[in-house]
Amino acid sequence: MLKTSGAGLIAVAIALTAARSDSARAQEQQTFKGLLGRGFEIKSVTFAKGEATGDRETFVVTLQREKSVAVCYFAATSWINLSNNALEDPKRCDVR
């Protein structure tokens, strides 16, 4: 488990805010399992908790395949338990 603090948390907060406010520009939404099936690879997993996440414990998972990038958001318990409901929810991952 990777925790962020200080400058790292600020970067995560900015990324979360930008990703959520730019969701209208997202090309598509996919399930996490679907992305793995399409050949996306996990590039980073970041734990965040603070103002940007509504003080909720959240994991931000970044995946990449060639020039496409996907960012997925999971509640901490969903990610830790690898909840099928979360991993198969197409609203969890934005693909650009």
PDB file of N, CA and C in Angstrom:
ATOM      1  N   MET A   1       0.851  -1.170   0.000  1.00  0.00           N
ATOM      2  CA  MET A   1       0.000   0.000   0.000  1.00  0.00           C
ATOM      3  C   MET A   1       0.891   1.225   0.000  1.00  0.00           C
ATOM      4  N   LEU A   2       0.597   2.144  -0.888  1.00  0.00           N
ATOM      5  CA  LEU A   2       1.355   3.373  -1.015  1.00  0.00           C
ATOM      6  C   LEU A   2       0.552   4.509  -0.429  1.00  0.00           C
ATOM      7  N   LYS A   3       1.150   5.226   0.500  1.00  0.00           N
ATOM      8  CA  LYS A   3       0.485   6.386   1.081  1.00  0.00           C
ATOM      9  C   LYS A   3       1.153   7.637   0.556  1.00  0.00           C
ATOM     10  N   THR A   4       0.362   8.682   0.382  1.00  0.00           N
ATOM     11  CA  THR A   4       0.927   9.953  -0.038  1.00  0.00           C
ATOM     12  C   THR A   4       0.855  10.923   1.113  1.00  0.00           C
ATOM     13  N   SER A   5       1.791  11.860   1.139  1.00  0.00           N
ATOM     14  CA  SER A   5       1.749  12.890   2.160  1.00  0.00           C
ATOM     15  C   SER A   5       2.373  14.146   1.600  1.00  0.00           C
ATOM     16  N   GLY A   6       2.072  15.264   2.194  1.00  0.00           N
ATOM     17  CA  GLY A   6       2.672  16.526   1.788  1.00  0.00           C
ATOM     18  C   GLY A   6       2.407  16.851   0.335  1.00  0.00           C
ATOM     19  N   ALA A   7       3.479  17.066  -0.433  1.00  0.00           N
ATOM     20  CA  ALA A   7       3.370  17.441  -1.843  1.00  0.00           C
ATOM     21  C   ALA A   7       2.679  16.356  -2.654  1.00  0.00           C
ATOM     22  N   GLY A   8       2.917  15.087  -2.297  1.00  0.00           N
ATOM     23  CA  GLY A   8       2.274  13.990  -3.017  1.00  0.00           C
ATOM     24  C   GLY A   8       0.767  14.028  -2.876  1.00  0.00           C
ATOM     25  N   LEU A   9       0.290  14.340  -1.686  1.00  0.00           N
ATOM     26  CA  LEU A   9      -1.150  14.421  -1.449  1.00  0.00           C
ATOM     27  C   LEU A   9      -1.753  15.590  -2.211  1.00  0.00           C
ATOM     28  N   ILE A  10      -1.020  16.682  -2.286  1.00  0.00           N
ATOM     29  CA  ILE A  10      -1.503  17.834  -3.050  1.00  0.00           C
ATOM     30  C   ILE A  10      -1.639  17.466  -4.525  1.00  0.00           C
ATOM     31  N   ALA A  11      -0.655  16.743  -5.056  1.00  0.00           N
ATOM     32  CA  ALA A  11      -0.714  16.319  -6.464  1.00  0.00           C
ATOM     33  C   ALA A  11      -1.900  15.395  -6.694  1.00  0.00           C
ATOM     34  N   VAL A  12      -2.135  14.473  -5.767  1.00  0.00           N
ATOM     35  CA  VAL A  12      -3.276  13.561  -5.896  1.00  0.00           C
ATOM     36  C   VAL A  12      -4.578  14.349  -5.832  1.00  0.00           C
ATOM     37  N   ALA A  13      -4.648  15.297  -4.922  1.00  0.00           N
ATOM     38  CA  ALA A  13      -5.862  16.112  -4.785  1.00  0.00           C
ATOM     39  C   ALA A  13      -6.143  16.879  -6.067  1.00  0.00           C
ATOM     40  N   ILE A  14      -5.112  17.453  -6.655  1.00  0.00           N
ATOM     41  CA  ILE A  14      -5.286  18.183  -7.915  1.00  0.00           C
ATOM     42  C   ILE A  14      -5.738  17.231  -9.014  1.00  0.00           C
ATOM     43  N   ALA A  15      -5.113  16.060  -9.071  1.00  0.00           N
ATOM     44  CA  ALA A  15      -5.481  15.085 -10.095  1.00  0.00           C
ATOM     45  C   ALA A  15      -6.923  14.620  -9.919  1.00  0.00           C
ATOM     46  N   LEU A  16      -7.327  14.351  -8.676  1.00  0.00           N
ATOM     47  CA  LEU A  16      -8.707  13.927  -8.421  1.00  0.00           C
ATOM     48  C   LEU A  16      -9.696  15.006  -8.824  1.00  0.00           C
ATOM     49  N   THR A  17      -9.403  16.233  -8.437  1.00  0.00           N
ATOM     50  CA  THR A  17     -10.294  17.346  -8.756  1.00  0.00           C
ATOM     51  C   THR A  17     -10.379  17.557 -10.254  1.00  0.00           C
ATOM     52  N   ALA A  18      -9.241  17.545 -10.927  1.00  0.00           N
ATOM     53  CA  ALA A  18      -9.218  17.755 -12.375  1.00  0.00           C
ATOM     54  C   ALA A  18      -9.917  16.617 -13.101  1.00  0.00           C
ATOM     55  N   ALA A  19      -9.669  15.397 -12.660  1.00  0.00           N
ATOM     56  CA  ALA A  19     -10.283  14.247 -13.325  1.00  0.00           C
ATOM     57  C   ALA A  19     -11.793  14.265 -13.174  1.00  0.00           C
ATOM     58  N   ARG A  20     -12.269  14.591 -11.986  1.00  0.00           N
ATOM     59  CA  ARG A  20     -13.712  14.621 -11.769  1.00  0.00           C
ATOM     60  C   ARG A  20     -14.367  15.786 -12.514  1.00  0.00           C
ATOM     61  N   SER A  21     -13.736  16.953 -12.538  1.00  0.00           N
ATOM     62  CA  SER A  21     -14.346  18.100 -13.211  1.00  0.00           C
ATOM     63  C   SER A  21     -14.250  17.976 -14.725  1.00  0.00           C
ATOM     64  N   ASP A  22     -13.300  17.197 -15.208  1.00  0.00           N
ATOM     65  CA  ASP A  22     -13.142  17.003 -16.642  1.00  0.00           C
ATOM     66  C   ASP A  22     -13.831  15.731 -17.116  1.00  0.00           C
ATOM     67  N   SER A  23     -14.660  15.121 -16.290  1.00  0.00           N
ATOM     68  CA  SER A  23     -15.253  13.841 -16.660  1.00  0.00           C
ATOM     69  C   SER A  23     -16.087  13.939 -17.930  1.00  0.00           C
ATOM     70  N   ALA A  24     -16.589  15.118 -18.238  1.00  0.00           N
ATOM     71  CA  ALA A  24     -17.351  15.281 -19.472  1.00  0.00           C
ATOM     72  C   ALA A  24     -16.460  15.105 -20.687  1.00  0.00           C
ATOM     73  N   ARG A  25     -15.154  15.354 -20.513  1.00  0.00           N
ATOM     74  CA  ARG A  25     -14.225  15.210 -21.621  1.00  0.00           C
ATOM     75  C   ARG A  25     -13.662  13.803 -21.741  1.00  0.00           C
ATOM     76  N   ALA A  26     -13.974  12.928 -20.799  1.00  0.00           N
ATOM     77  CA  ALA A  26     -13.469  11.566 -20.855  1.00  0.00           C
ATOM     78  C   ALA A  26     -13.999  10.893 -22.114  1.00  0.00           C
ATOM     79  N   GLN A  27     -13.122  10.198 -22.818  1.00  0.00           N
ATOM     80  CA  GLN A  27     -13.534   9.548 -24.055  1.00  0.00           C
ATOM     81  C   GLN A  27     -14.489   8.399 -23.800  1.00  0.00           C
ATOM     82  N   GLU A  28     -14.242   7.660 -22.747  1.00  0.00           N
ATOM     83  CA  GLU A  28     -15.097   6.517 -22.452  1.00  0.00           C
ATOM     84  C   GLU A  28     -14.909   6.085 -21.011  1.00  0.00           C
ATOM     85  N   GLN A  29     -15.840   5.289 -20.540  1.00  0.00           N
ATOM     86  CA  GLN A  29     -15.722   4.675 -19.228  1.00  0.00           C
ATOM     87  C   GLN A  29     -15.749   3.169 -19.426  1.00  0.00           C
ATOM     88  N   GLN A  30     -14.926   2.480 -18.688  1.00  0.00           N
ATOM     89  CA  GLN A  30     -14.792   1.028 -18.806  1.00  0.00           C
ATOM     90  C   GLN A  30     -14.714   0.420 -17.415  1.00  0.00           C
ATOM     91  N   THR A  31     -14.929  -0.865 -17.326  1.00  0.00           N
ATOM     92  CA  THR A  31     -14.718  -1.564 -16.063  1.00  0.00           C
ATOM     93  C   THR A  31     -13.226  -1.816 -15.883  1.00  0.00           C
ATOM     94  N   PHE A  32     -12.797  -1.928 -14.644  1.00  0.00           N
ATOM     95  CA  PHE A  32     -11.404  -2.224 -14.355  1.00  0.00           C
ATOM     96  C   PHE A  32     -11.025  -3.574 -14.956  1.00  0.00           C
ATOM     97  N   LYS A  33     -11.877  -4.574 -14.758  1.00  0.00           N
ATOM     98  CA  LYS A  33     -11.596  -5.900 -15.307  1.00  0.00           C
ATOM     99  C   LYS A  33     -11.536  -5.870 -16.838  1.00  0.00           C
ATOM    100  N   GLY A  34     -12.413  -5.067 -17.446  1.00  0.00           N
ATOM    101  CA  GLY A  34     -12.404  -4.943 -18.897  1.00  0.00           C
ATOM    102  C   GLY A  34     -11.109  -4.325 -19.406  1.00  0.00           C
ATOM    103  N   LEU A  35     -10.603  -3.334 -18.685  1.00  0.00           N
ATOM    104  CA  LEU A  35      -9.345  -2.699 -19.069  1.00  0.00           C
ATOM    105  C   LEU A  35      -8.186  -3.681 -19.004  1.00  0.00           C
ATOM    106  N   LEU A  36      -8.136  -4.474 -17.939  1.00  0.00           N
ATOM    107  CA  LEU A  36      -7.081  -5.485 -17.838  1.00  0.00           C
ATOM    108  C   LEU A  36      -7.196  -6.485 -18.978  1.00  0.00           C
ATOM    109  N   GLY A  37      -8.428  -6.859 -19.321  1.00  0.00           N
ATOM    110  CA  GLY A  37      -8.657  -7.781 -20.425  1.00  0.00           C
ATOM    111  C   GLY A  37      -8.244  -7.221 -21.780  1.00  0.00           C
ATOM    112  N   ARG A  38      -8.271  -5.896 -21.899  1.00  0.00           N
ATOM    113  CA  ARG A  38      -7.860  -5.234 -23.144  1.00  0.00           C
ATOM    114  C   ARG A  38      -6.358  -4.978 -23.191  1.00  0.00           C
ATOM    115  N   GLY A  39      -5.637  -5.398 -22.177  1.00  0.00           N
ATOM    116  CA  GLY A  39      -4.187  -5.262 -22.191  1.00  0.00           C
ATOM    117  C   GLY A  39      -3.629  -4.061 -21.453  1.00  0.00           C
ATOM    118  N   PHE A  40      -4.459  -3.346 -20.713  1.00  0.00           N
ATOM    119  CA  PHE A  40      -3.953  -2.236 -19.910  1.00  0.00           C
ATOM    120  C   PHE A  40      -3.125  -2.798 -18.758  1.00  0.00           C
ATOM    121  N   GLU A  41      -2.071  -2.076 -18.393  1.00  0.00           N
ATOM    122  CA  GLU A  41      -1.207  -2.464 -17.280  1.00  0.00           C
ATOM    123  C   GLU A  41      -1.297  -1.419 -16.176  1.00  0.00           C
ATOM    124  N   ILE A  42      -1.293  -1.880 -14.939  1.00  0.00           N
ATOM    125  CA  ILE A  42      -1.310  -0.967 -13.797  1.00  0.00           C
ATOM    126  C   ILE A  42       0.046  -0.272 -13.715  1.00  0.00           C
ATOM    127  N   LYS A  43       0.015   1.056 -13.686  1.00  0.00           N
ATOM    128  CA  LYS A  43       1.239   1.845 -13.590  1.00  0.00           C
ATOM    129  C   LYS A  43       1.439   2.411 -12.194  1.00  0.00           C
ATOM    130  N   SER A  44       0.352   2.719 -11.490  1.00  0.00           N
ATOM    131  CA  SER A  44       0.490   3.205 -10.116  1.00  0.00           C
ATOM    132  C   SER A  44      -0.801   2.980  -9.345  1.00  0.00           C
ATOM    133  N   VAL A  45      -0.630   2.837  -8.042  1.00  0.00           N
ATOM    134  CA  VAL A  45      -1.751   2.741  -7.102  1.00  0.00           C
ATOM    135  C   VAL A  45      -1.435   3.717  -5.980  1.00  0.00           C
ATOM    136  N   THR A  46      -2.324   4.679  -5.764  1.00  0.00           N
ATOM    137  CA  THR A  46      -2.086   5.727  -4.778  1.00  0.00           C
ATOM    138  C   THR A  46      -3.239   5.798  -3.791  1.00  0.00           C
ATOM    139  N   PHE A  47      -2.902   5.847  -2.527  1.00  0.00           N
ATOM    140  CA  PHE A  47      -3.898   6.010  -1.473  1.00  0.00           C
ATOM    141  C   PHE A  47      -4.073   7.500  -1.207  1.00  0.00           C
ATOM    142  N   ALA A  48      -5.318   7.941  -1.140  1.00  0.00           N
ATOM    143  CA  ALA A  48      -5.585   9.354  -0.869  1.00  0.00           C
ATOM    144  C   ALA A  48      -6.724   9.483   0.130  1.00  0.00           C
ATOM    145  N   LYS A  49      -6.583  10.451   1.010  1.00  0.00           N
ATOM    146  CA  LYS A  49      -7.653  10.783   1.943  1.00  0.00           C
ATOM    147  C   LYS A  49      -7.472  12.247   2.294  1.00  0.00           C
ATOM    148  N   GLY A  50      -8.521  12.999   2.152  1.00  0.00           N
ATOM    149  CA  GLY A  50      -8.422  14.419   2.460  1.00  0.00           C
ATOM    150  C   GLY A  50      -9.553  15.183   1.823  1.00  0.00           C
ATOM    151  N   GLU A  51      -9.350  16.460   1.693  1.00  0.00           N
ATOM    152  CA  GLU A  51     -10.390  17.349   1.183  1.00  0.00           C
ATOM    153  C   GLU A  51     -10.867  16.938  -0.212  1.00  0.00           C
ATOM    154  N   ALA A  52      -9.943  16.554  -1.083  1.00  0.00           N
ATOM    155  CA  ALA A  52     -10.308  16.206  -2.463  1.00  0.00           C
ATOM    156  C   ALA A  52     -11.170  14.954  -2.549  1.00  0.00           C
ATOM    157  N   THR A  53     -11.091  14.094  -1.545  1.00  0.00           N
ATOM    158  CA  THR A  53     -11.873  12.856  -1.557  1.00  0.00           C
ATOM    159  C   THR A  53     -13.049  12.910  -0.594  1.00  0.00           C
ATOM    160  N   GLY A  54     -13.388  14.102  -0.124  1.00  0.00           N
ATOM    161  CA  GLY A  54     -14.460  14.220   0.858  1.00  0.00           C
ATOM    162  C   GLY A  54     -14.098  13.530   2.155  1.00  0.00           C
ATOM    163  N   ASP A  55     -12.800  13.480   2.448  1.00  0.00           N
ATOM    164  CA  ASP A  55     -12.242  12.834   3.627  1.00  0.00           C
ATOM    165  C   ASP A  55     -12.513  11.329   3.650  1.00  0.00           C
ATOM    166  N   ARG A  56     -12.773  10.760   2.469  1.00  0.00           N
ATOM    167  CA  ARG A  56     -12.955   9.313   2.347  1.00  0.00           C
ATOM    168  C   ARG A  56     -11.632   8.674   1.940  1.00  0.00           C
ATOM    169  N   GLU A  57     -11.391   7.459   2.390  1.00  0.00           N
ATOM    170  CA  GLU A  57     -10.201   6.711   2.005  1.00  0.00           C
ATOM    171  C   GLU A  57     -10.416   6.160   0.603  1.00  0.00           C
ATOM    172  N   THR A  58      -9.567   6.593  -0.328  1.00  0.00           N
ATOM    173  CA  THR A  58      -9.746   6.266  -1.740  1.00  0.00           C
ATOM    174  C   THR A  58      -8.434   5.786  -2.337  1.00  0.00           C
ATOM    175  N   PHE A  59      -8.529   4.811  -3.230  1.00  0.00           N
ATOM    176  CA  PHE A  59      -7.371   4.402  -4.018  1.00  0.00           C
ATOM    177  C   PHE A  59      -7.573   4.893  -5.443  1.00  0.00           C
ATOM    178  N   VAL A  60      -6.542   5.507  -5.987  1.00  0.00           N
ATOM    179  CA  VAL A  60      -6.534   5.957  -7.371  1.00  0.00           C
ATOM    180  C   VAL A  60      -5.581   5.027  -8.106  1.00  0.00           C
ATOM    181  N   VAL A  61      -6.105   4.309  -9.100  1.00  0.00           N
ATOM    182  CA  VAL A  61      -5.305   3.341  -9.851  1.00  0.00           C
ATOM    183  C   VAL A  61      -5.153   3.863 -11.273  1.00  0.00           C
ATOM    184  N   THR A  62      -3.906   3.997 -11.710  1.00  0.00           N
ATOM    185  CA  THR A  62      -3.619   4.480 -13.060  1.00  0.00           C
ATOM    186  C   THR A  62      -3.134   3.311 -13.903  1.00  0.00           C
ATOM    187  N   LEU A  63      -3.736   3.178 -15.083  1.00  0.00           N
ATOM    188  CA  LEU A  63      -3.368   2.114 -16.006  1.00  0.00           C
ATOM    189  C   LEU A  63      -2.978   2.724 -17.348  1.00  0.00           C
ATOM    190  N   GLN A  64      -2.215   1.966 -18.146  1.00  0.00           N
ATOM    191  CA  GLN A  64      -1.817   2.460 -19.462  1.00  0.00           C
ATOM    192  C   GLN A  64      -1.731   1.308 -20.448  1.00  0.00           C
ATOM    193  N   ARG A  65      -2.094   1.607 -21.690  1.00  0.00           N
ATOM    194  CA  ARG A  65      -1.890   0.699 -22.820  1.00  0.00           C
ATOM    195  C   ARG A  65      -1.539   1.579 -24.000  1.00  0.00           C
ATOM    196  N   GLU A  66      -0.328   1.414 -24.491  1.00  0.00           N
ATOM    197  CA  GLU A  66       0.175   2.253 -25.571  1.00  0.00           C
ATOM    198  C   GLU A  66      -0.008   3.722 -25.204  1.00  0.00           C
ATOM    199  N   LYS A  67      -0.792   4.490 -25.961  1.00  0.00           N
ATOM    200  CA  LYS A  67      -0.973   5.911 -25.675  1.00  0.00           C
ATOM    201  C   LYS A  67      -2.242   6.204 -24.888  1.00  0.00           C
ATOM    202  N   SER A  68      -2.990   5.172 -24.529  1.00  0.00           N
ATOM    203  CA  SER A  68      -4.220   5.359 -23.750  1.00  0.00           C
ATOM    204  C   SER A  68      -3.922   5.244 -22.261  1.00  0.00           C
ATOM    205  N   VAL A  69      -4.576   6.101 -21.492  1.00  0.00           N
ATOM    206  CA  VAL A  69      -4.418   6.095 -20.040  1.00  0.00           C
ATOM    207  C   VAL A  69      -5.805   5.967 -19.410  1.00  0.00           C
ATOM    208  N   ALA A  70      -5.880   5.184 -18.353  1.00  0.00           N
ATOM    209  CA  ALA A  70      -7.123   5.035 -17.603  1.00  0.00           C
ATOM    210  C   ALA A  70      -6.843   5.372 -16.145  1.00  0.00           C
ATOM    211  N   VAL A  71      -7.792   6.057 -15.521  1.00  0.00           N
ATOM    212  CA  VAL A  71      -7.703   6.373 -14.098  1.00  0.00           C
ATOM    213  C   VAL A  71      -8.954   5.819 -13.439  1.00  0.00           C
ATOM    214  N   CYS A  72      -8.752   4.975 -12.434  1.00  0.00           N
ATOM    215  CA  CYS A  72      -9.861   4.333 -11.738  1.00  0.00           C
ATOM    216  C   CYS A  72      -9.853   4.760 -10.279  1.00  0.00           C
ATOM    217  N   TYR A  73     -11.042   4.919  -9.713  1.00  0.00           N
ATOM    218  CA  TYR A  73     -11.218   5.361  -8.332  1.00  0.00           C
ATOM    219  C   TYR A  73     -11.984   4.290  -7.567  1.00  0.00           C
ATOM    220  N   PHE A  74     -11.444   3.891  -6.406  1.00  0.00           N
ATOM    221  CA  PHE A  74     -12.080   2.868  -5.589  1.00  0.00           C
ATOM    222  C   PHE A  74     -12.086   3.289  -4.133  1.00  0.00           C
ATOM    223  N   ALA A  75     -13.180   3.000  -3.438  1.00  0.00           N
ATOM    224  CA  ALA A  75     -13.186   3.132  -1.985  1.00  0.00           C
ATOM    225  C   ALA A  75     -12.142   2.152  -1.450  1.00  0.00           C
ATOM    226  N   ALA A  76     -11.476   2.510  -0.377  1.00  0.00           N
ATOM    227  CA  ALA A  76     -10.396   1.677   0.147  1.00  0.00           C
ATOM    228  C   ALA A  76     -10.843   0.235   0.386  1.00  0.00           C
ATOM    229  N   THR A  77     -12.001   0.046   0.984  1.00  0.00           N
ATOM    230  CA  THR A  77     -12.451  -1.322   1.272  1.00  0.00           C
ATOM    231  C   THR A  77     -12.722  -2.109  -0.006  1.00  0.00           C
ATOM    232  N   SER A  78     -13.219  -1.443  -1.042  1.00  0.00           N
ATOM    233  CA  SER A  78     -13.472  -2.126  -2.309  1.00  0.00           C
ATOM    234  C   SER A  78     -12.174  -2.590  -2.956  1.00  0.00           C
ATOM    235  N   TRP A  79     -11.147  -1.736  -2.931  1.00  0.00           N
ATOM    236  CA  TRP A  79      -9.868  -2.093  -3.541  1.00  0.00           C
ATOM    237  C   TRP A  79      -9.157  -3.176  -2.729  1.00  0.00           C
ATOM    238  N   ILE A  80      -9.137  -3.023  -1.416  1.00  0.00           N
ATOM    239  CA  ILE A  80      -8.452  -3.996  -0.565  1.00  0.00           C
ATOM    240  C   ILE A  80      -9.093  -5.370  -0.692  1.00  0.00           C
ATOM    241  N   ASN A  81     -10.429  -5.417  -0.769  1.00  0.00           N
ATOM    242  CA  ASN A  81     -11.146  -6.690  -0.862  1.00  0.00           C
ATOM    243  C   ASN A  81     -11.339  -7.158  -2.299  1.00  0.00           C
ATOM    244  N   LEU A  82     -10.879  -6.362  -3.282  1.00  0.00           N
ATOM    245  CA  LEU A  82     -11.078  -6.668  -4.704  1.00  0.00           C
ATOM    246  C   LEU A  82     -12.538  -7.010  -4.987  1.00  0.00           C
ATOM    247  N   SER A  83     -13.402  -6.138  -4.538  1.00  0.00           N
ATOM    248  CA  SER A  83     -14.840  -6.308  -4.682  1.00  0.00           C
ATOM    249  C   SER A  83     -15.243  -6.403  -6.155  1.00  0.00           C
ATOM    250  N   ASN A  84     -15.918  -7.489  -6.530  1.00  0.00           N
ATOM    251  CA  ASN A  84     -16.371  -7.657  -7.912  1.00  0.00           C
ATOM    252  C   ASN A  84     -17.305  -6.541  -8.338  1.00  0.00           C
ATOM    253  N   ASN A  85     -18.155  -6.079  -7.415  1.00  0.00           N
ATOM    254  CA  ASN A  85     -19.063  -4.979  -7.753  1.00  0.00           C
ATOM    255  C   ASN A  85     -18.286  -3.753  -8.199  1.00  0.00           C
ATOM    256  N   ALA A  86     -17.207  -3.440  -7.514  1.00  0.00           N
ATOM    257  CA  ALA A  86     -16.400  -2.273  -7.867  1.00  0.00           C
ATOM    258  C   ALA A  86     -15.570  -2.535  -9.114  1.00  0.00           C
ATOM    259  N   LEU A  87     -14.958  -3.704  -9.210  1.00  0.00           N
ATOM    260  CA  LEU A  87     -14.085  -4.005 -10.344  1.00  0.00           C
ATOM    261  C   LEU A  87     -14.854  -4.125 -11.659  1.00  0.00           C
ATOM    262  N   GLU A  88     -16.154  -4.388 -11.576  1.00  0.00           N
ATOM    263  CA  GLU A  88     -16.978  -4.523 -12.774  1.00  0.00           C
ATOM    264  C   GLU A  88     -17.900  -3.326 -12.994  1.00  0.00           C
ATOM    265  N   ASP A  89     -17.698  -2.251 -12.242  1.00  0.00           N
ATOM    266  CA  ASP A  89     -18.507  -1.045 -12.366  1.00  0.00           C
ATOM    267  C   ASP A  89     -17.878  -0.112 -13.403  1.00  0.00           C
ATOM    268  N   PRO A  90     -18.553   0.127 -14.540  1.00  0.00           N
ATOM    269  CA  PRO A  90     -17.959   0.957 -15.594  1.00  0.00           C
ATOM    270  C   PRO A  90     -17.811   2.430 -15.214  1.00  0.00           C
ATOM    271  N   LYS A  91     -18.428   2.859 -14.133  1.00  0.00           N
ATOM    272  CA  LYS A  91     -18.325   4.265 -13.731  1.00  0.00           C
ATOM    273  C   LYS A  91     -17.061   4.524 -12.900  1.00  0.00           C
ATOM    274  N   ARG A  92     -16.290   3.509 -12.602  1.00  0.00           N
ATOM    275  CA  ARG A  92     -15.090   3.665 -11.763  1.00  0.00           C
ATOM    276  C   ARG A  92     -13.856   4.117 -12.552  1.00  0.00           C
ATOM    277  N   CYS A  93     -13.829   3.867 -13.861  1.00  0.00           N
ATOM    278  CA  CYS A  93     -12.618   4.132 -14.642  1.00  0.00           C
ATOM    279  C   CYS A  93     -12.905   5.036 -15.842  1.00  0.00           C
ATOM    280  N   ASP A  94     -12.116   6.101 -15.945  1.00  0.00           N
ATOM    281  CA  ASP A  94     -12.171   7.004 -17.098  1.00  0.00           C
ATOM    282  C   ASP A  94     -10.979   6.693 -17.992  1.00  0.00           C
ATOM    283  N   VAL A  95     -11.237   6.541 -19.289  1.00  0.00           N
ATOM    284  CA  VAL A  95     -10.182   6.202 -20.241  1.00  0.00           C
ATOM    285  C   VAL A  95     -10.001   7.364 -21.204  1.00  0.00           C
ATOM    286  N   ARG A  96      -8.756   7.757 -21.390  1.00  0.00           N
ATOM    287  CA  ARG A  96      -8.425   8.849 -22.319  1.00  0.00           C
ATOM    288  C   ARG A  96      -7.358   8.394 -23.259  1.00  0.00           C
TER     289      ARG A  96
END
